[in-house]
Protein backbone atom coordinates (compact mmCIF):
# COMPACT_ATOMS: atom_id res chain seq x y z
CA MET A 1 0.00 0.00 0.00
CA VAL A 2 1.30 3.46 -0.92
CA GLN A 3 1.28 6.01 1.90
CA PRO A 4 -0.23 9.41 1.00
CA THR A 5 2.10 12.39 1.00
CA THR A 6 1.36 14.60 3.99
CA GLY A 7 3.73 17.47 3.29
CA TYR A 8 5.48 17.16 6.66
CA LYS A 9 7.62 14.62 8.46
CA LEU A 10 8.22 13.97 12.16
CA ILE A 11 12.00 13.89 12.53
CA LYS A 12 12.37 13.81 16.33
CA LYS A 13 10.16 12.86 19.25
CA ILE A 14 11.12 12.85 22.92
CA LYS A 15 8.66 11.93 25.67
CA ASP A 16 9.58 12.01 29.35
CA GLU A 17 8.27 9.09 31.40
CA LYS A 18 6.58 11.63 33.72
CA PHE A 19 4.39 13.02 30.91
CA GLU A 20 0.74 12.15 31.48
CA GLU A 21 -1.68 12.93 28.69
CA GLU A 22 -4.60 13.12 31.13
CA ASN A 23 -2.90 16.05 32.92
CA LEU A 24 -2.79 18.49 29.99
CA HIS A 25 -4.66 21.05 32.12
CA ALA A 26 -1.49 21.37 34.25
CA TYR A 27 0.90 21.76 31.30
CA THR A 28 1.92 24.57 28.96
CA LEU A 29 1.93 23.93 25.23
CA LEU A 30 4.81 25.50 23.30
CA VAL A 31 4.61 25.80 19.51
CA GLN A 32 7.45 27.27 17.47
CA TYR A 33 6.84 27.81 13.77
CA SER A 34 8.74 28.75 10.65
CA ASN A 35 7.90 28.21 7.01
CA ARG A 36 10.31 25.24 7.03
CA ASP A 37 9.51 23.48 10.31
CA LEU A 38 7.46 23.31 13.49
CA GLN A 39 8.42 22.29 17.00
CA VAL A 40 5.98 21.22 19.72
CA GLY A 41 6.94 21.23 23.37
CA ILE A 42 5.04 20.59 26.57
CA THR A 43 6.29 21.80 29.94
CA ASP A 44 5.11 21.16 33.46
CA GLU A 45 4.53 23.71 36.26
CA ASN A 46 8.31 23.78 36.90
CA ASP A 47 9.05 24.54 33.23
CA LYS A 48 10.54 21.07 32.75
CA LEU A 49 10.21 19.88 29.16
CA LEU A 50 8.18 16.67 29.21
CA PHE A 51 7.38 16.26 25.53
CA PHE A 52 9.05 17.43 22.32
CA GLU A 53 8.39 16.88 18.63
CA ASP A 54 10.18 18.35 15.63
CA PHE A 55 8.47 18.40 12.24
CA VAL A 56 10.01 19.44 8.95
CA PHE A 57 7.84 20.63 6.06
CA ASN A 58 8.19 19.79 2.40
CA GLU A 59 9.08 22.85 0.39
CA SER A 60 5.86 24.65 -0.51
CA GLU A 61 5.30 27.03 -3.36
CA SER A 62 2.90 29.38 -1.58
CA ASN A 63 1.65 30.54 1.80
CA GLU A 64 -1.75 29.04 0.99
CA VAL A 65 -0.21 25.57 0.58
CA LEU A 66 1.72 26.03 3.82
CA LEU A 67 -1.45 27.06 5.64
CA GLU A 68 -3.25 23.92 4.44
CA LEU A 69 -0.27 21.84 5.53
CA LEU A 70 -0.42 23.39 9.02
CA LYS A 71 -4.17 22.77 9.24
CA ASP A 72 -3.58 19.14 8.30
CA LEU A 73 -0.83 18.73 10.90
CA PHE A 74 -2.94 20.30 13.67
CA ASN A 75 -6.06 18.33 12.75
CA ASN A 76 -4.17 15.02 12.75
CA HIS A 77 -2.15 15.61 15.91
CA ALA A 78 -3.44 14.06 19.13
CA LEU A 79 -2.41 16.99 21.36
CA LEU A 80 -2.27 20.22 19.35
CA THR A 81 -6.01 20.81 19.22
CA ALA A 82 -6.67 20.01 22.89
CA GLY A 83 -8.48 22.99 24.40
CA PHE A 84 -7.62 22.71 28.05
CA TRP A 85 -3.96 23.68 28.47
CA LYS A 86 -2.76 25.68 31.47
CA GLY A 87 -1.16 27.97 28.89
CA VAL A 88 -0.16 28.18 25.24
CA VAL A 89 2.93 29.95 23.92
CA LEU A 90 3.37 30.50 20.19
CA SER A 91 6.64 31.72 18.72
CA VAL A 92 7.61 32.40 15.14
CA LYS A 93 11.14 31.84 13.89
CA ASN A 94 12.08 34.87 11.88
CA ASN A 95 15.35 36.66 11.23
CA GLN A 96 13.60 39.93 10.42
CA PHE A 97 13.67 41.65 13.79
CA VAL A 98 15.44 44.32 15.79
CA GLN A 99 15.25 45.35 19.44
CA VAL A 100 14.95 49.01 20.33
CA PRO A 101 15.27 50.52 23.83
CA SER A 102 11.79 51.52 25.00
CA VAL A 103 12.83 55.11 25.72
CA LEU A 104 13.85 55.56 22.07
CA PHE A 105 10.92 53.75 20.44
CA GLU A 106 8.44 55.61 18.22
CA GLU A 107 5.80 53.43 16.57
CA LYS A 108 5.80 55.47 13.35
CA SER A 109 9.52 54.64 12.90
CA SER A 110 9.09 50.86 13.24
CA ALA A 111 9.97 50.11 9.60
CA LYS A 112 13.06 52.31 9.82
CA TYR A 113 14.28 50.48 12.93
CA LEU A 114 13.77 47.16 11.19
CA ALA A 115 15.75 48.32 8.15
CA PHE A 116 18.84 48.64 10.37
CA ASN A 117 18.95 44.91 10.93
CA ALA A 118 16.96 43.14 8.21
CA ASP A 119 15.81 43.34 4.64
CA SER A 120 12.06 43.36 4.33
CA SER A 121 9.81 43.68 1.34
CA SER A 122 6.91 46.07 0.89
CA ASN A 123 4.62 43.01 1.26
CA ASP A 124 5.79 42.47 4.85
CA THR A 125 3.74 43.75 7.75
CA VAL A 126 5.87 45.43 10.40
CA LEU A 127 4.72 44.78 13.97
CA TRP A 128 6.18 45.32 17.42
CA CYS A 129 5.80 44.10 20.99
CA PRO A 130 7.34 45.13 24.32
CA SER A 131 9.65 42.84 26.27
CA PHE A 132 8.40 41.31 29.52
CA ASP A 133 10.42 43.79 31.58
CA GLY A 134 9.36 46.77 29.43
CA GLU A 135 12.96 47.80 28.80
CA SER A 136 12.91 47.15 25.05
CA ILE A 137 10.61 46.80 22.08
CA THR A 138 11.03 44.06 19.50
CA VAL A 139 10.15 45.18 15.98
CA PHE A 140 9.60 42.38 13.48
CA ALA A 141 8.26 41.65 10.01
């Protein structure tokens, strides 16, 4: 029997013996995404990593194809669509970013700050968010 092509491949899976699927309400789900791969982590209340998976994507020709691939991965994953996590953290791998001291930050200059550190196209949306301590602002595309 020929296996259907899914567009992604699980290349690494680590599961701590202390991980209990029935205790998801006590765990934090970590998802890190790029247009080439996706990592899934689950941590306990002490921030100990109990579960880790690393997926690599087949090269896709468009964002629409990549979006469908992500939907397929999430829909077919036993844990990603669970709705009762203690917390969920999503991060995006991107080399288009710069950090600016909060005292110097002006929102209208976000694209100019970004141009110091990264090339971005006119199709990119420039966004920003403050650091947890409020000392800096991360500007990203």
